[in-house]
Amino acid sequence: MPDVHICEIVKIEKFPGKSLCGDRLSDYVACSIVVSCPEIAKEARAGQFVHIKCDESLVLRRPFGICSVSGDEVRFVFEVKGDGTRLLLERKPGDLLDILGPLGNGFNIPDGGVIVAGGGLGTPPMLFAAESAAGNVAAVLGFRDSGRVMLTSEFEAVCDKVYLTTDDGSAGLHGLVTNPLEELLKTGMYSCVLSCGQYAMLSAVAKLCESYKVPCQVSLEERMGCGVGACLVCACATREDGVEKMSRVCRDGPVFDAGDVVWKV
């Protein structure tokens, strides 16, 4: 069983914008929280996540991908959309958080050129992957519109190339992450693609990588209960030796080889 850590909040950054948070309208679309936790910082790998007790009034913890690690500090970024994240948004530096982690299996990052592809709130965990990769790293980041773009300067600081796309064309390239991703794959300079985002995006990324015969690892996003593999809420269909089975995203993932996932779209 992973350890529970009581971590002090060091920094909070709120991203302005209108977002429906449960039955309330929030003035923020996302939030970044940095906590001090030497134990998690030492053990964490890119692609892993933490399970946070947002408030004593809530029974279930909430899962958040690790965005980055610096010294003893761990950062996670989340979308403001429910009671748990609304309560986290109200926290202040100096407050303590009850955090279980790090959890799950992370990315297996090879030597050589790596592409990290993130979509929406699947983008923050890819920053940790980019920071962990050695050598040539390219990032392809996709968002709904300019109001939801985040972390581009952080990616530019650690990546050789950064491509920004938005669904409506209000920032960066107009279109999907698969467009610049395909141009990068055509160069033959990259040995692996690492990706996190919505299911449809991951499916498209996986199929594109398969067509170019480039290995791809995906971090799946699923609703979770316990976070340690006991409740089976986060089960997903995967394939092993040609046989379909159900895997637990929290324990068997969240990172899977894209070829092992049984894509339903």
Protein backbone atom coordinates (compact mmCIF):
# COMPACT_ATOMS: atom_id res chain seq x y z
CA MET A 1 0.00 0.00 0.00
CA PRO A 2 1.48 3.41 -0.95
CA ASP A 3 2.12 5.87 1.84
CA VAL A 4 -0.08 8.77 2.84
CA HIS A 5 1.75 12.08 3.16
CA ILE A 6 0.64 15.32 4.83
CA CYS A 7 2.00 17.98 2.49
CA GLU A 8 2.17 21.75 2.86
CA ILE A 9 0.93 23.87 -0.04
CA VAL A 10 3.78 26.09 -1.26
CA LYS A 11 2.15 27.86 -4.20
CA ILE A 12 -1.23 28.17 -5.90
CA GLU A 13 -1.81 29.59 -9.38
CA LYS A 14 -5.34 30.02 -10.73
CA PHE A 15 -6.10 30.18 -14.46
CA PRO A 16 -8.94 32.69 -15.12
CA GLY A 17 -11.92 31.79 -17.29
CA LYS A 18 -15.55 30.77 -16.95
CA SER A 19 -16.19 27.14 -16.04
CA LEU A 20 -19.20 25.24 -14.73
CA CYS A 21 -18.13 23.76 -11.40
CA GLY A 22 -20.84 21.36 -10.31
CA ASP A 23 -23.95 23.56 -10.14
CA ARG A 24 -21.92 26.78 -9.77
CA LEU A 25 -20.18 29.04 -12.27
CA SER A 26 -16.48 29.42 -11.47
CA ASP A 27 -14.23 32.30 -12.52
CA TYR A 28 -11.36 29.83 -13.05
CA VAL A 29 -10.95 27.00 -15.55
CA ALA A 30 -7.92 25.37 -13.94
CA CYS A 31 -5.57 25.59 -10.99
CA SER A 32 -1.94 24.68 -10.29
CA ILE A 33 -0.87 23.63 -6.80
CA VAL A 34 2.71 23.05 -5.65
CA VAL A 35 3.24 21.08 -2.44
CA SER A 36 6.34 20.27 -0.44
CA CYS A 37 6.76 16.50 -0.17
CA PRO A 38 10.31 15.08 -0.31
CA GLU A 39 9.04 11.48 -0.22
CA ILE A 40 6.81 11.79 -3.30
CA ALA A 41 9.35 13.96 -5.11
CA LYS A 42 12.03 11.32 -4.65
CA GLU A 43 9.90 8.38 -5.85
CA ALA A 44 7.74 9.94 -8.57
CA ARG A 45 8.10 8.99 -12.23
CA ALA A 46 6.58 10.77 -15.20
CA GLY A 47 3.11 9.40 -15.86
CA GLN A 48 2.31 8.54 -12.25
CA PHE A 49 -0.40 10.29 -10.25
CA VAL A 50 -1.37 11.25 -6.71
CA HIS A 51 -4.69 10.70 -4.93
CA ILE A 52 -5.73 13.69 -2.84
CA LYS A 53 -8.24 14.09 -0.04
CA CYS A 54 -9.76 17.40 -1.08
CA ASP A 55 -11.81 17.96 2.07
CA GLU A 56 -13.05 16.10 5.15
CA SER A 57 -16.61 16.45 3.83
CA LEU A 58 -15.83 14.24 0.81
CA VAL A 59 -15.44 10.49 1.13
CA LEU A 60 -13.46 9.81 -2.03
CA ARG A 61 -10.07 11.16 -2.95
CA ARG A 62 -9.44 12.73 -6.37
CA PRO A 63 -6.67 11.60 -8.77
CA PHE A 64 -4.27 14.14 -10.30
CA GLY A 65 -1.39 13.49 -12.67
CA ILE A 66 2.00 14.77 -11.54
CA CYS A 67 2.88 17.82 -13.63
CA SER A 68 6.46 18.33 -12.49
CA VAL A 69 8.94 17.73 -9.70
CA SER A 70 11.55 20.23 -8.54
CA GLY A 71 13.71 19.42 -5.52
CA ASP A 72 11.30 18.49 -2.71
CA GLU A 73 8.31 20.09 -4.45
CA VAL A 74 5.60 18.37 -6.48
CA ARG A 75 3.21 20.18 -8.80
CA PHE A 76 -0.17 19.12 -10.13
CA VAL A 77 -2.62 21.00 -12.34
CA PHE A 78 -6.34 20.28 -12.48
CA GLU A 79 -9.53 21.41 -14.16
CA VAL A 80 -12.07 23.14 -11.92
CA LYS A 81 -15.25 21.13 -12.50
CA GLY A 82 -16.69 19.53 -9.34
CA ASP A 83 -17.00 19.75 -5.58
CA GLY A 84 -13.53 18.31 -4.94
CA THR A 85 -11.67 20.66 -7.27
CA ARG A 86 -13.76 23.63 -6.10
CA LEU A 87 -12.67 22.94 -2.53
CA LEU A 88 -9.04 22.61 -3.61
CA LEU A 89 -9.34 25.93 -5.42
CA GLU A 90 -10.22 27.56 -2.10
CA ARG A 91 -7.05 26.33 -0.38
CA LYS A 92 -4.19 28.72 0.43
CA PRO A 93 -0.38 28.47 0.73
CA GLY A 94 0.45 27.00 4.12
CA ASP A 95 -2.59 24.71 4.16
CA LEU A 96 -1.96 20.97 4.46
CA LEU A 97 -3.12 18.31 1.98
CA ASP A 98 -3.54 14.60 2.66
CA ILE A 99 -1.92 12.93 -0.37
CA LEU A 100 -1.59 9.24 -1.26
CA GLY A 101 1.15 8.47 -3.77
CA PRO A 102 2.90 8.29 -6.04
CA LEU A 103 0.55 5.77 -7.67
CA GLY A 104 0.41 3.71 -10.85
CA ASN A 105 2.95 2.92 -13.53
CA GLY A 106 4.70 5.72 -15.37
CA PHE A 107 6.16 6.13 -18.84
CA ASN A 108 9.09 4.02 -19.99
CA ILE A 109 11.07 6.80 -21.66
CA PRO A 110 13.63 5.52 -24.20
CA ASP A 111 16.83 7.13 -25.35
CA GLY A 112 16.63 9.09 -28.58
CA GLY A 113 14.05 11.51 -29.91
CA VAL A 114 10.75 11.61 -28.05
CA ILE A 115 7.45 13.33 -28.87
CA VAL A 116 5.11 14.24 -26.02
CA ALA A 117 1.51 14.87 -27.07
CA GLY A 118 -0.97 16.37 -24.63
CA GLY A 119 -4.59 17.37 -25.00
CA GLY A 120 -6.45 19.71 -22.63
CA LEU A 121 -5.90 18.71 -19.01
CA GLY A 122 -3.87 15.78 -20.28
CA THR A 123 -1.17 18.32 -21.06
CA PRO A 124 0.28 18.98 -17.55
CA PRO A 125 1.52 15.40 -16.94
CA MET A 126 3.38 15.56 -20.26
CA LEU A 127 5.57 18.35 -18.88
CA PHE A 128 7.04 15.89 -16.36
CA ALA A 129 7.61 13.44 -19.24
CA ALA A 130 9.37 16.12 -21.30
CA GLU A 131 11.55 17.06 -18.32
CA SER A 132 12.43 13.40 -17.78
CA ALA A 133 13.43 12.67 -21.39
CA ALA A 134 17.03 12.95 -22.53
CA GLY A 135 17.94 14.29 -25.95
CA ASN A 136 15.67 15.64 -28.66
CA VAL A 137 12.14 16.29 -27.34
CA ALA A 138 9.23 17.75 -29.29
CA ALA A 139 5.89 18.69 -27.72
CA VAL A 140 2.50 18.85 -29.42
CA LEU A 141 -0.12 20.52 -27.20
CA GLY A 142 -3.82 20.76 -28.01
CA PHE A 143 -6.53 22.86 -26.36
CA ARG A 144 -10.14 23.80 -27.04
CA ASP A 145 -9.41 27.52 -27.40
CA SER A 146 -6.94 30.26 -26.43
CA GLY A 147 -8.61 30.71 -23.03
CA ARG A 148 -7.54 27.22 -21.99
CA VAL A 149 -3.93 27.29 -23.18
CA MET A 150 -1.43 26.74 -20.38
CA LEU A 151 2.18 25.80 -19.60
CA THR A 152 3.55 26.65 -23.06
CA SER A 153 6.50 28.60 -21.63
CA GLU A 154 7.39 25.66 -19.38
CA PHE A 155 7.39 23.29 -22.35
CA GLU A 156 9.46 25.71 -24.42
CA ALA A 157 12.08 25.73 -21.65
CA VAL A 158 12.66 21.95 -21.85
CA CYS A 159 11.71 20.99 -25.44
CA ASP A 160 13.52 21.52 -28.72
CA LYS A 161 10.22 22.13 -30.53
CA VAL A 162 6.74 23.03 -29.29
CA TYR A 163 3.60 23.00 -31.44
CA LEU A 164 0.37 24.51 -30.13
CA THR A 165 -3.04 23.68 -31.61
CA THR A 166 -6.56 24.83 -30.77
CA ASP A 167 -9.87 23.45 -31.97
CA ASP A 168 -11.12 26.89 -33.03
CA GLY A 169 -7.83 28.34 -34.29
CA SER A 170 -7.77 31.12 -31.68
CA ALA A 171 -4.15 30.25 -30.75
CA GLY A 172 -1.42 28.36 -32.54
CA LEU A 173 -2.40 26.03 -35.38
CA HIS A 174 -6.05 25.49 -36.21
CA GLY A 175 -6.91 21.83 -35.81
CA LEU A 176 -5.98 18.68 -33.95
CA VAL A 177 -2.72 17.54 -32.36
CA THR A 178 -2.52 14.75 -34.92
CA ASN A 179 -1.72 17.24 -37.69
CA PRO A 180 1.68 18.48 -36.40
CA LEU A 181 2.28 15.04 -34.87
CA GLU A 182 2.13 13.43 -38.30
CA GLU A 183 4.59 15.96 -39.70
CA LEU A 184 7.02 15.09 -36.91
CA LEU A 185 6.59 11.35 -37.45
CA LYS A 186 7.36 11.78 -41.16
CA THR A 187 10.87 13.00 -40.30
CA GLY A 188 11.83 9.62 -38.82
CA MET A 189 13.71 11.42 -36.03
CA TYR A 190 11.67 10.13 -33.11
CA SER A 191 11.80 6.75 -31.39
CA CYS A 192 8.65 7.04 -29.27
CA VAL A 193 5.46 9.02 -28.68
CA LEU A 194 4.12 9.60 -25.15
CA SER A 195 0.60 10.93 -24.87
CA CYS A 196 -2.13 11.91 -22.40
CA GLY A 197 -5.55 13.39 -23.11
CA GLN A 198 -9.12 12.53 -23.89
CA TYR A 199 -9.89 9.02 -25.12
CA ALA A 200 -10.71 10.00 -28.72
CA MET A 201 -7.44 11.91 -29.04
CA LEU A 202 -5.41 9.04 -27.62
CA SER A 203 -7.06 6.60 -30.01
CA ALA A 204 -6.19 8.84 -32.98
CA VAL A 205 -2.60 9.28 -31.76
CA ALA A 206 -2.23 5.51 -31.30
CA LYS A 207 -3.50 4.73 -34.81
CA LEU A 208 -1.25 7.36 -36.35
CA CYS A 209 1.81 6.01 -34.56
CA GLU A 210 0.91 2.49 -35.64
CA SER A 211 0.77 3.59 -39.27
CA TYR A 212 4.30 5.04 -38.98
CA LYS A 213 5.51 2.07 -36.92
CA VAL A 214 6.59 4.31 -34.03
CA PRO A 215 6.06 2.93 -30.49
CA CYS A 216 3.46 4.81 -28.50
CA GLN A 217 2.58 4.89 -24.80
CA VAL A 218 -0.67 6.42 -23.59
CA SER A 219 -1.80 7.60 -20.17
CA LEU A 220 -5.51 6.82 -19.84
CA GLU A 221 -7.93 9.04 -17.98
CA GLU A 222 -10.69 7.20 -16.09
CA ARG A 223 -12.89 7.86 -13.08
CA MET A 224 -11.35 6.32 -9.97
CA GLY A 225 -12.54 5.30 -6.54
CA CYS A 226 -9.80 3.82 -4.36
CA GLY A 227 -6.79 4.56 -6.59
CA VAL A 228 -5.03 1.33 -5.59
CA GLY A 229 -6.82 -1.31 -7.66
CA ALA A 230 -9.36 -2.63 -5.15
CA CYS A 231 -12.67 -1.12 -6.32
CA LEU A 232 -12.40 -1.82 -10.10
CA VAL A 233 -14.15 1.46 -10.97
CA CYS A 234 -11.43 2.40 -13.46
CA ALA A 235 -11.38 -0.87 -15.44
CA CYS A 236 -10.51 -0.61 -19.14
CA ALA A 237 -10.24 -3.14 -21.97
CA THR A 238 -6.72 -4.24 -22.89
CA ARG A 239 -5.16 -7.12 -24.80
CA GLU A 240 -2.46 -9.55 -23.67
CA ASP A 241 -1.09 -12.23 -26.02
CA GLY A 242 -4.07 -11.64 -28.30
CA VAL A 243 -6.60 -12.18 -25.51
CA GLU A 244 -8.85 -9.32 -24.38
CA LYS A 245 -9.02 -8.65 -20.65
CA MET A 246 -9.96 -5.91 -18.22
CA SER A 247 -7.15 -3.91 -16.61
CA ARG A 248 -7.22 -1.38 -13.79
CA VAL A 249 -6.07 2.06 -14.88
CA CYS A 250 -4.98 3.05 -11.37
CA ARG A 251 -2.80 -0.02 -10.76
CA ASP A 252 -1.99 -1.58 -14.15
CA GLY A 253 -1.71 1.89 -15.72
CA PRO A 254 -2.38 4.71 -16.05
CA VAL A 255 0.31 4.31 -18.73
CA PHE A 256 -0.16 1.50 -21.24
CA ASP A 257 1.47 0.51 -24.48
CA ALA A 258 -0.98 1.88 -27.05
CA GLY A 259 -0.97 -1.45 -28.86
CA ASP A 260 -2.28 -3.19 -25.73
CA VAL A 261 -5.37 -0.99 -25.43
CA VAL A 262 -8.61 -2.18 -27.03
CA TRP A 263 -9.74 1.08 -28.60
CA LYS A 264 -13.53 1.46 -28.84
CA VAL A 265 -13.53 4.37 -31.34
